[in-house]
Amino acid sequence: MWELVQETVSFIKEKTHFTPEYGVILGSGLGSFTADIQIEFTLPYTEIPNFPVSTVEGHKGALVFGTIGTKKVVAMQGRFHYYEGYSMQEVTFPVRVMKYLGVQKLVVSNASGGVNPNYKVGDIVFITDHINMVPEHPLRGKNDERFGPRFVNMSEPYSKKMIAVAKDLAQKNNIEVKDGIYLGLQGPTFETLAEYKMVKILGADCVGMSTVPEVIVARHMEVETFGVSVITDMGNEESIDTISHDEVLEAARKAEPKVRKLIKELILNY
């Protein structure tokens, strides 16, 4: 893994001569954030050695390099999911690469199903913690100490400082936000009513099929991380009958301007 990461990093540095401070992973329906970046380079995943290729609608498949204000950023237009058939090492490979390109802070976004009765479709949720129920752990196997320790402290997977700054910025911009715990499942099926109830009983507020592996690997390498979810459906009798991926993308697109604003402001101010 170390050699693959270094090979990919060397290729990207040679192509871009760019050292990003911030990494951004854009979830379903949230890819337009790149319009807020003063783009300097775009590298399709297909051109990057050792990189997987995204197969899901709503995930474009390119690394975008540029600036937001004075901050240098690399954004993933499209992420990789365990349910696509990738190994956890492949799913999290881009996070490893980001770290060695220079990334110190990571912003992850996703579309998720809500189980907290105080949520509604379109709500923006700052992730305060997560529950990992994806069946394969991204750090399983021999640990390479060059990346990080064998046993990772996960007491603060999502930076409390970044959350506090983001909440302050949301208030200043009159954007309503919630916070909550995210539960990661394998997918690719949407949850049954019984599974939504399980998620709620376990203490989570929303559920999705991404983010958790990337955050674990980021914390393995001591990358400070911020997570935001858009609630695209509610796990109850009223909405579960009609939920589809198209509806998820549509709900995410409606919330996208506010999410974009918040991520941009956070990068500028933290």
C-alpha atoms as a PDB file:
ATOM      1  CA  MET A   1       0.000   0.000   0.000  1.00  0.00           C
ATOM      2  CA  TRP A   2       2.776   2.439   0.906  1.00  0.00           C
ATOM      3  CA  GLU A   3       4.479   1.987  -2.464  1.00  0.00           C
ATOM      4  CA  LEU A   4       1.181   2.357  -4.381  1.00  0.00           C
ATOM      5  CA  VAL A   5       0.318   5.563  -2.505  1.00  0.00           C
ATOM      6  CA  GLN A   6       3.777   7.059  -3.087  1.00  0.00           C
ATOM      7  CA  GLU A   7       3.645   6.146  -6.793  1.00  0.00           C
ATOM      8  CA  THR A   8       0.271   7.863  -7.163  1.00  0.00           C
ATOM      9  CA  VAL A   9       1.378  10.915  -5.166  1.00  0.00           C
ATOM     10  CA  SER A  10       4.527  11.265  -7.305  1.00  0.00           C
ATOM     11  CA  PHE A  11       2.451  11.098 -10.505  1.00  0.00           C
ATOM     12  CA  ILE A  12      -0.012  13.752  -9.267  1.00  0.00           C
ATOM     13  CA  LYS A  13       2.736  16.086  -8.000  1.00  0.00           C
ATOM     14  CA  GLU A  14       4.541  15.824 -11.318  1.00  0.00           C
ATOM     15  CA  LYS A  15       1.329  16.678 -13.175  1.00  0.00           C
ATOM     16  CA  THR A  16       0.120  19.511 -10.911  1.00  0.00           C
ATOM     17  CA  HIS A  17       3.016  20.903  -8.815  1.00  0.00           C
ATOM     18  CA  PHE A  18       0.297  21.618  -6.262  1.00  0.00           C
ATOM     19  CA  THR A  19       0.288  21.143  -2.458  1.00  0.00           C
ATOM     20  CA  PRO A  20      -3.284  21.244  -1.093  1.00  0.00           C
ATOM     21  CA  GLU A  21      -4.046  21.977   2.554  1.00  0.00           C
ATOM     22  CA  TYR A  22      -7.704  20.928   2.365  1.00  0.00           C
ATOM     23  CA  GLY A  23      -9.246  17.790   0.937  1.00  0.00           C
ATOM     24  CA  VAL A  24     -12.955  17.639   0.094  1.00  0.00           C
ATOM     25  CA  ILE A  25     -14.927  14.468  -0.706  1.00  0.00           C
ATOM     26  CA  LEU A  26     -18.208  15.263  -2.466  1.00  0.00           C
ATOM     27  CA  GLY A  27     -21.155  12.900  -1.966  1.00  0.00           C
ATOM     28  CA  SER A  28     -24.211  12.083  -4.085  1.00  0.00           C
ATOM     29  CA  GLY A  29     -25.659  15.157  -5.779  1.00  0.00           C
ATOM     30  CA  LEU A  30     -23.080  17.495  -4.223  1.00  0.00           C
ATOM     31  CA  GLY A  31     -20.475  17.555  -6.999  1.00  0.00           C
ATOM     32  CA  SER A  32     -21.131  21.166  -8.051  1.00  0.00           C
ATOM     33  CA  PHE A  33     -19.050  22.463  -5.149  1.00  0.00           C
ATOM     34  CA  THR A  34     -16.156  22.556  -7.596  1.00  0.00           C
ATOM     35  CA  ALA A  35     -17.777  25.676  -9.116  1.00  0.00           C
ATOM     36  CA  ASP A  36     -16.605  27.499  -5.966  1.00  0.00           C
ATOM     37  CA  ILE A  37     -12.988  26.511  -6.609  1.00  0.00           C
ATOM     38  CA  GLN A  38     -10.630  28.586  -8.738  1.00  0.00           C
ATOM     39  CA  ILE A  39      -9.601  25.481 -10.662  1.00  0.00           C
ATOM     40  CA  GLU A  40      -5.962  25.020 -11.664  1.00  0.00           C
ATOM     41  CA  PHE A  41      -5.917  21.317 -12.600  1.00  0.00           C
ATOM     42  CA  THR A  42      -8.432  18.531 -13.170  1.00  0.00           C
ATOM     43  CA  LEU A  43      -7.323  14.907 -13.269  1.00  0.00           C
ATOM     44  CA  PRO A  44      -9.885  12.244 -14.262  1.00  0.00           C
ATOM     45  CA  TYR A  45      -9.630   9.146 -12.087  1.00  0.00           C
ATOM     46  CA  THR A  46      -9.059   7.086 -15.218  1.00  0.00           C
ATOM     47  CA  GLU A  47      -5.716   8.868 -15.750  1.00  0.00           C
ATOM     48  CA  ILE A  48      -4.406   8.432 -12.188  1.00  0.00           C
ATOM     49  CA  PRO A  49      -2.340   5.290 -11.552  1.00  0.00           C
ATOM     50  CA  ASN A  50      -3.757   2.900  -8.921  1.00  0.00           C
ATOM     51  CA  PHE A  51      -6.987   4.927  -8.580  1.00  0.00           C
ATOM     52  CA  PRO A  52     -10.365   3.182  -8.672  1.00  0.00           C
ATOM     53  CA  VAL A  53     -13.117   4.577 -10.945  1.00  0.00           C
ATOM     54  CA  SER A  54     -16.516   5.679  -9.615  1.00  0.00           C
ATOM     55  CA  THR A  55     -19.481   3.750 -11.056  1.00  0.00           C
ATOM     56  CA  VAL A  56     -22.420   5.528  -9.356  1.00  0.00           C
ATOM     57  CA  GLU A  57     -24.687   8.139 -10.939  1.00  0.00           C
ATOM     58  CA  GLY A  58     -24.103  11.514  -9.292  1.00  0.00           C
ATOM     59  CA  HIS A  59     -20.379  10.795  -8.842  1.00  0.00           C
ATOM     60  CA  LYS A  60     -18.413  12.335 -11.726  1.00  0.00           C
ATOM     61  CA  GLY A  61     -14.952  10.846 -11.221  1.00  0.00           C
ATOM     62  CA  ALA A  62     -12.162  13.447 -11.120  1.00  0.00           C
ATOM     63  CA  LEU A  63      -9.689  15.099  -8.765  1.00  0.00           C
ATOM     64  CA  VAL A  64     -10.019  18.876  -8.922  1.00  0.00           C
ATOM     65  CA  PHE A  65      -7.158  21.094  -7.721  1.00  0.00           C
ATOM     66  CA  GLY A  66      -7.463  24.797  -7.061  1.00  0.00           C
ATOM     67  CA  THR A  67      -7.950  27.573  -4.536  1.00  0.00           C
ATOM     68  CA  ILE A  68     -10.724  28.975  -2.379  1.00  0.00           C
ATOM     69  CA  GLY A  69      -9.493  32.385  -1.353  1.00  0.00           C
ATOM     70  CA  THR A  70      -5.918  31.755  -0.247  1.00  0.00           C
ATOM     71  CA  LYS A  71      -6.543  28.097   0.674  1.00  0.00           C
ATOM     72  CA  LYS A  72      -5.300  25.342  -1.620  1.00  0.00           C
ATOM     73  CA  VAL A  73      -7.858  22.564  -2.089  1.00  0.00           C
ATOM     74  CA  VAL A  74      -8.153  19.166  -3.743  1.00  0.00           C
ATOM     75  CA  ALA A  75     -11.713  17.915  -4.230  1.00  0.00           C
ATOM     76  CA  MET A  76     -12.918  14.447  -5.153  1.00  0.00           C
ATOM     77  CA  GLN A  77     -15.805  14.656  -7.600  1.00  0.00           C
ATOM     78  CA  GLY A  78     -17.217  11.255  -6.812  1.00  0.00           C
ATOM     79  CA  ARG A  79     -16.173   8.781  -4.140  1.00  0.00           C
ATOM     80  CA  PHE A  80     -15.879   5.010  -4.017  1.00  0.00           C
ATOM     81  CA  HIS A  81     -18.175   2.699  -2.073  1.00  0.00           C
ATOM     82  CA  TYR A  82     -17.705  -0.760  -0.615  1.00  0.00           C
ATOM     83  CA  TYR A  83     -20.992  -1.831  -2.262  1.00  0.00           C
ATOM     84  CA  GLU A  84     -19.502  -1.179  -5.712  1.00  0.00           C
ATOM     85  CA  GLY A  85     -17.255  -4.180  -5.150  1.00  0.00           C
ATOM     86  CA  TYR A  86     -14.103  -2.356  -4.147  1.00  0.00           C
ATOM     87  CA  SER A  87     -12.002  -3.488  -1.213  1.00  0.00           C
ATOM     88  CA  MET A  88     -11.809  -1.144   1.757  1.00  0.00           C
ATOM     89  CA  GLN A  89      -8.212  -0.387   0.789  1.00  0.00           C
ATOM     90  CA  GLU A  90      -9.453   0.828  -2.616  1.00  0.00           C
ATOM     91  CA  VAL A  91     -12.347   2.801  -1.092  1.00  0.00           C
ATOM     92  CA  THR A  92      -9.973   4.700   1.175  1.00  0.00           C
ATOM     93  CA  PHE A  93      -6.965   4.888  -1.156  1.00  0.00           C
ATOM     94  CA  PRO A  94      -7.696   8.515  -2.215  1.00  0.00           C
ATOM     95  CA  VAL A  95      -7.618   9.637   1.435  1.00  0.00           C
ATOM     96  CA  ARG A  96      -4.141   8.129   1.782  1.00  0.00           C
ATOM     97  CA  VAL A  97      -3.071   9.951  -1.384  1.00  0.00           C
ATOM     98  CA  MET A  98      -4.536  13.266  -0.178  1.00  0.00           C
ATOM     99  CA  LYS A  99      -2.544  13.054   3.049  1.00  0.00           C
ATOM    100  CA  TYR A 100       0.740  12.665   1.189  1.00  0.00           C
ATOM    101  CA  LEU A 101      -0.121  15.415  -1.278  1.00  0.00           C
ATOM    102  CA  GLY A 102      -0.165  17.710   1.775  1.00  0.00           C
ATOM    103  CA  VAL A 103      -3.768  17.637   3.021  1.00  0.00           C
ATOM    104  CA  GLN A 104      -4.093  18.449   6.740  1.00  0.00           C
ATOM    105  CA  LYS A 105      -7.866  18.899   6.931  1.00  0.00           C
ATOM    106  CA  LEU A 106     -10.588  16.822   5.282  1.00  0.00           C
ATOM    107  CA  VAL A 107     -14.237  17.717   4.611  1.00  0.00           C
ATOM    108  CA  VAL A 108     -16.558  14.810   3.761  1.00  0.00           C
ATOM    109  CA  SER A 109     -20.127  15.190   2.569  1.00  0.00           C
ATOM    110  CA  ASN A 110     -22.871  12.643   1.932  1.00  0.00           C
ATOM    111  CA  ALA A 111     -26.564  12.075   1.362  1.00  0.00           C
ATOM    112  CA  SER A 112     -28.192  10.101   4.158  1.00  0.00           C
ATOM    113  CA  GLY A 113     -31.501   8.760   5.438  1.00  0.00           C
ATOM    114  CA  GLY A 114     -32.837  10.380   8.586  1.00  0.00           C
ATOM    115  CA  VAL A 115     -34.267   8.548  11.589  1.00  0.00           C
ATOM    116  CA  ASN A 116     -34.243  11.415  14.084  1.00  0.00           C
ATOM    117  CA  PRO A 117     -37.878  12.616  14.252  1.00  0.00           C
ATOM    118  CA  ASN A 118     -36.635  16.213  14.482  1.00  0.00           C
ATOM    119  CA  TYR A 119     -35.115  15.922  10.999  1.00  0.00           C
ATOM    120  CA  LYS A 120     -36.851  16.531   7.687  1.00  0.00           C
ATOM    121  CA  VAL A 121     -35.844  15.999   4.070  1.00  0.00           C
ATOM    122  CA  GLY A 122     -33.376  18.695   3.023  1.00  0.00           C
ATOM    123  CA  ASP A 123     -31.893  19.228   6.487  1.00  0.00           C
ATOM    124  CA  ILE A 124     -28.157  19.791   6.763  1.00  0.00           C
ATOM    125  CA  VAL A 125     -26.548  17.774   9.566  1.00  0.00           C
ATOM    126  CA  PHE A 126     -23.065  18.246  10.992  1.00  0.00           C
ATOM    127  CA  ILE A 127     -21.785  14.790  11.935  1.00  0.00           C
ATOM    128  CA  THR A 128     -20.594  14.685  15.552  1.00  0.00           C
ATOM    129  CA  ASP A 129     -19.780  10.960  15.706  1.00  0.00           C
ATOM    130  CA  HIS A 130     -20.381   7.728  13.827  1.00  0.00           C
ATOM    131  CA  ILE A 131     -21.214   4.064  14.319  1.00  0.00           C
ATOM    132  CA  ASN A 132     -19.358   1.699  12.003  1.00  0.00           C
ATOM    133  CA  MET A 133     -21.490  -1.233  10.851  1.00  0.00           C
ATOM    134  CA  VAL A 134     -19.843  -1.787   7.488  1.00  0.00           C
ATOM    135  CA  PRO A 135     -18.731  -5.453   7.600  1.00  0.00           C
ATOM    136  CA  GLU A 136     -15.119  -4.851   6.477  1.00  0.00           C
ATOM    137  CA  HIS A 137     -12.835  -2.538   8.484  1.00  0.00           C
ATOM    138  CA  PRO A 138     -10.469  -0.350   6.406  1.00  0.00           C
ATOM    139  CA  LEU A 139      -7.579  -0.950   8.834  1.00  0.00           C
ATOM    140  CA  ARG A 140      -7.912  -4.739   8.977  1.00  0.00           C
ATOM    141  CA  GLY A 141      -4.689  -6.525   8.136  1.00  0.00           C
ATOM    142  CA  LYS A 142      -1.030  -5.781   8.713  1.00  0.00           C
ATOM    143  CA  ASN A 143      -0.525  -2.208   9.919  1.00  0.00           C
ATOM    144  CA  ASP A 144       2.086   0.007   8.281  1.00  0.00           C
ATOM    145  CA  GLU A 145       3.397   2.323  11.014  1.00  0.00           C
ATOM    146  CA  ARG A 146       4.395   4.863   8.342  1.00  0.00           C
ATOM    147  CA  PHE A 147       0.687   5.620   7.904  1.00  0.00           C
ATOM    148  CA  GLY A 148      -0.307   5.513  11.560  1.00  0.00           C
ATOM    149  CA  PRO A 149      -0.605   3.379  14.721  1.00  0.00           C
ATOM    150  CA  ARG A 150      -2.076  -0.116  14.936  1.00  0.00           C
ATOM    151  CA  PHE A 151      -4.822   1.038  17.325  1.00  0.00           C
ATOM    152  CA  VAL A 152      -6.359   4.397  16.478  1.00  0.00           C
ATOM    153  CA  ASN A 153      -7.959   6.668  19.068  1.00  0.00           C
ATOM    154  CA  MET A 154     -11.471   7.384  17.722  1.00  0.00           C
ATOM    155  CA  SER A 155     -12.731   9.515  20.622  1.00  0.00           C
ATOM    156  CA  GLU A 156     -12.985  12.512  18.274  1.00  0.00           C
ATOM    157  CA  PRO A 157     -13.419  11.312  14.688  1.00  0.00           C
ATOM    158  CA  TYR A 158     -15.006  14.645  13.718  1.00  0.00           C
ATOM    159  CA  SER A 159     -13.145  17.762  14.835  1.00  0.00           C
ATOM    160  CA  LYS A 160     -14.992  19.605  17.608  1.00  0.00           C
ATOM    161  CA  LYS A 161     -13.165  22.800  16.654  1.00  0.00           C
ATOM    162  CA  MET A 162     -14.256  22.550  13.027  1.00  0.00           C
ATOM    163  CA  ILE A 163     -17.849  21.809  14.075  1.00  0.00           C
ATOM    164  CA  ALA A 164     -17.888  24.848  16.380  1.00  0.00           C
ATOM    165  CA  VAL A 165     -16.560  27.139  13.630  1.00  0.00           C
ATOM    166  CA  ALA A 166     -19.035  25.694  11.100  1.00  0.00           C
ATOM    167  CA  LYS A 167     -21.977  26.234  13.482  1.00  0.00           C
ATOM    168  CA  ASP A 168     -20.928  29.841  14.000  1.00  0.00           C
ATOM    169  CA  LEU A 169     -20.672  30.361  10.236  1.00  0.00           C
ATOM    170  CA  ALA A 170     -24.082  28.751   9.688  1.00  0.00           C
ATOM    171  CA  GLN A 171     -25.624  31.140  12.190  1.00  0.00           C
ATOM    172  CA  LYS A 172     -23.963  34.166  10.563  1.00  0.00           C
ATOM    173  CA  ASN A 173     -25.261  33.052   7.154  1.00  0.00           C
ATOM    174  CA  ASN A 174     -28.781  32.270   8.443  1.00  0.00           C
ATOM    175  CA  ILE A 175     -28.479  28.613   7.463  1.00  0.00           C
ATOM    176  CA  GLU A 176     -30.308  26.199   9.729  1.00  0.00           C
ATOM    177  CA  VAL A 177     -28.249  23.161  10.647  1.00  0.00           C
ATOM    178  CA  LYS A 178     -28.692  20.141  12.899  1.00  0.00           C
ATOM    179  CA  ASP A 179     -26.095  17.835  14.348  1.00  0.00           C
ATOM    180  CA  GLY A 180     -26.157  14.102  14.838  1.00  0.00           C
ATOM    181  CA  ILE A 181     -24.578  10.676  14.776  1.00  0.00           C
ATOM    182  CA  TYR A 182     -24.149   8.905  11.429  1.00  0.00           C
ATOM    183  CA  LEU A 183     -24.360   5.131  11.091  1.00  0.00           C
ATOM    184  CA  GLY A 184     -22.553   3.474   8.187  1.00  0.00           C
ATOM    185  CA  LEU A 185     -24.033   0.368   6.542  1.00  0.00           C
ATOM    186  CA  GLN A 186     -22.798  -1.579   3.538  1.00  0.00           C
ATOM    187  CA  GLY A 187     -25.655  -0.987   1.061  1.00  0.00           C
ATOM    188  CA  PRO A 188     -26.499  -0.821  -1.779  1.00  0.00           C
ATOM    189  CA  THR A 189     -30.143  -1.394  -0.804  1.00  0.00           C
ATOM    190  CA  PHE A 190     -31.952   1.367   1.011  1.00  0.00           C
ATOM    191  CA  GLU A 191     -32.825   0.290   4.535  1.00  0.00           C
ATOM    192  CA  THR A 192     -36.005  -1.580   5.413  1.00  0.00           C
ATOM    193  CA  LEU A 193     -38.334  -0.082   7.970  1.00  0.00           C
ATOM    194  CA  ALA A 194     -36.996  -2.560  10.519  1.00  0.00           C
ATOM    195  CA  GLU A 195     -33.419  -1.525   9.710  1.00  0.00           C
ATOM    196  CA  TYR A 196     -34.276   2.165  10.063  1.00  0.00           C
ATOM    197  CA  LYS A 197     -35.747   1.337  13.484  1.00  0.00           C
ATOM    198  CA  MET A 198     -32.560  -0.558  14.362  1.00  0.00           C
ATOM    199  CA  VAL A 199     -30.458   2.485  13.412  1.00  0.00           C
ATOM    200  CA  LYS A 200     -32.556   4.655  15.699  1.00  0.00           C
ATOM    201  CA  ILE A 201     -32.399   2.155  18.587  1.00  0.00           C
ATOM    202  CA  LEU A 202     -28.611   1.989  18.254  1.00  0.00           C
ATOM    203  CA  GLY A 203     -28.437   5.721  18.894  1.00  0.00           C
ATOM    204  CA  ALA A 204     -27.808   7.153  15.435  1.00  0.00           C
ATOM    205  CA  ASP A 205     -29.679  10.047  13.812  1.00  0.00           C
ATOM    206  CA  CYS A 206     -29.008   9.219  10.173  1.00  0.00           C
ATOM    207  CA  VAL A 207     -27.706   6.363   8.057  1.00  0.00           C
ATOM    208  CA  GLY A 208     -25.740   5.994   4.835  1.00  0.00           C
ATOM    209  CA  MET A 209     -23.331   3.873   2.811  1.00  0.00           C
ATOM    210  CA  SER A 210     -20.129   5.943   2.830  1.00  0.00           C
ATOM    211  CA  THR A 211     -17.978   8.346   4.878  1.00  0.00           C
ATOM    212  CA  VAL A 212     -17.139   6.092   7.839  1.00  0.00           C
ATOM    213  CA  PRO A 213     -14.240   4.219   6.140  1.00  0.00           C
ATOM    214  CA  GLU A 214     -12.732   7.462   4.821  1.00  0.00           C
ATOM    215  CA  VAL A 215     -12.920   9.130   8.227  1.00  0.00           C
ATOM    216  CA  ILE A 216     -11.328   6.130   9.969  1.00  0.00           C
ATOM    217  CA  VAL A 217      -8.397   6.212   7.537  1.00  0.00           C
ATOM    218  CA  ALA A 218      -8.086  10.009   7.831  1.00  0.00           C
ATOM    219  CA  ARG A 219      -7.877   9.726  11.606  1.00  0.00           C
ATOM    220  CA  HIS A 220      -5.351   6.875  11.264  1.00  0.00           C
ATOM    221  CA  MET A 221      -3.095   9.476   9.626  1.00  0.00           C
ATOM    222  CA  GLU A 222      -4.076  12.313  12.002  1.00  0.00           C
ATOM    223  CA  VAL A 223      -5.930  14.313   9.365  1.00  0.00           C
ATOM    224  CA  GLU A 224      -8.449  16.651  11.025  1.00  0.00           C
ATOM    225  CA  THR A 225     -11.934  15.832   9.702  1.00  0.00           C
ATOM    226  CA  PHE A 226     -15.331  17.508   9.312  1.00  0.00           C
ATOM    227  CA  GLY A 227     -18.448  15.688   8.080  1.00  0.00           C
ATOM    228  CA  VAL A 228     -21.773  16.971   6.770  1.00  0.00           C
ATOM    229  CA  SER A 229     -24.877  15.031   5.714  1.00  0.00           C
ATOM    230  CA  VAL A 230     -27.875  16.102   3.675  1.00  0.00           C
ATOM    231  CA  ILE A 231     -31.028  14.294   4.761  1.00  0.00           C
ATOM    232  CA  THR A 232     -32.507  13.044   1.490  1.00  0.00           C
ATOM    233  CA  ASP A 233     -35.213  10.731   2.877  1.00  0.00           C
ATOM    234  CA  MET A 234     -36.795   9.862   6.190  1.00  0.00           C
ATOM    235  CA  GLY A 235     -36.895   6.272   7.416  1.00  0.00           C
ATOM    236  CA  ASN A 236     -40.569   6.109   8.233  1.00  0.00           C
ATOM    237  CA  GLU A 237     -43.769   4.657   6.794  1.00  0.00           C
ATOM    238  CA  GLU A 238     -44.562   7.827   4.834  1.00  0.00           C
ATOM    239  CA  SER A 239     -41.373   8.096   2.788  1.00  0.00           C
ATOM    240  CA  ILE A 240     -39.908   4.604   2.609  1.00  0.00           C
ATOM    241  CA  ASP A 241     -42.458   3.473  -0.005  1.00  0.00           C
ATOM    242  CA  THR A 242     -41.189   5.901  -2.637  1.00  0.00           C
ATOM    243  CA  ILE A 243     -37.466   6.312  -1.983  1.00  0.00           C
ATOM    244  CA  SER A 244     -35.213   5.973  -5.050  1.00  0.00           C
ATOM    245  CA  HIS A 245     -31.705   7.080  -5.982  1.00  0.00           C
ATOM    246  CA  ASP A 246     -33.166   9.773  -8.266  1.00  0.00           C
ATOM    247  CA  GLU A 247     -35.084  11.223  -5.312  1.00  0.00           C
ATOM    248  CA  VAL A 248     -31.939  11.151  -3.185  1.00  0.00           C
ATOM    249  CA  LEU A 249     -30.032  13.082  -5.865  1.00  0.00           C
ATOM    250  CA  GLU A 250     -32.863  15.606  -6.228  1.00  0.00           C
ATOM    251  CA  ALA A 251     -33.068  16.263  -2.473  1.00  0.00           C
ATOM    252  CA  ALA A 252     -29.284  16.658  -2.310  1.00  0.00           C
ATOM    253  CA  ARG A 253     -29.299  19.101  -5.240  1.00  0.00           C
ATOM    254  CA  LYS A 254     -31.906  21.288  -3.535  1.00  0.00           C
ATOM    255  CA  ALA A 255     -29.794  21.520  -0.374  1.00  0.00           C
ATOM    256  CA  GLU A 256     -26.536  21.853  -2.304  1.00  0.00           C
ATOM    257  CA  PRO A 257     -26.278  25.694  -2.435  1.00  0.00           C
ATOM    258  CA  LYS A 258     -26.358  25.887   1.365  1.00  0.00           C
ATOM    259  CA  VAL A 259     -23.911  23.005   1.795  1.00  0.00           C
ATOM    260  CA  ARG A 260     -21.581  24.597  -0.742  1.00  0.00           C
ATOM    261  CA  LYS A 261     -21.763  27.909   1.101  1.00  0.00           C
ATOM    262  CA  LEU A 262     -20.967  26.275   4.441  1.00  0.00           C
ATOM    263  CA  ILE A 263     -18.034  24.239   3.136  1.00  0.00           C
ATOM    264  CA  LYS A 264     -16.609  27.268   1.342  1.00  0.00           C
ATOM    265  CA  GLU A 265     -16.929  29.457   4.438  1.00  0.00           C
ATOM    266  CA  LEU A 266     -15.391  26.780   6.640  1.00  0.00           C
ATOM    267  CA  ILE A 267     -12.372  26.443   4.355  1.00  0.00           C
ATOM    268  CA  LEU A 268     -11.930  30.224   4.220  1.00  0.00           C
ATOM    269  CA  ASN A 269     -12.241  30.684   7.984  1.00  0.00           C
ATOM    270  CA  TYR A 270     -10.531  27.649   9.523  1.00  0.00           C
END
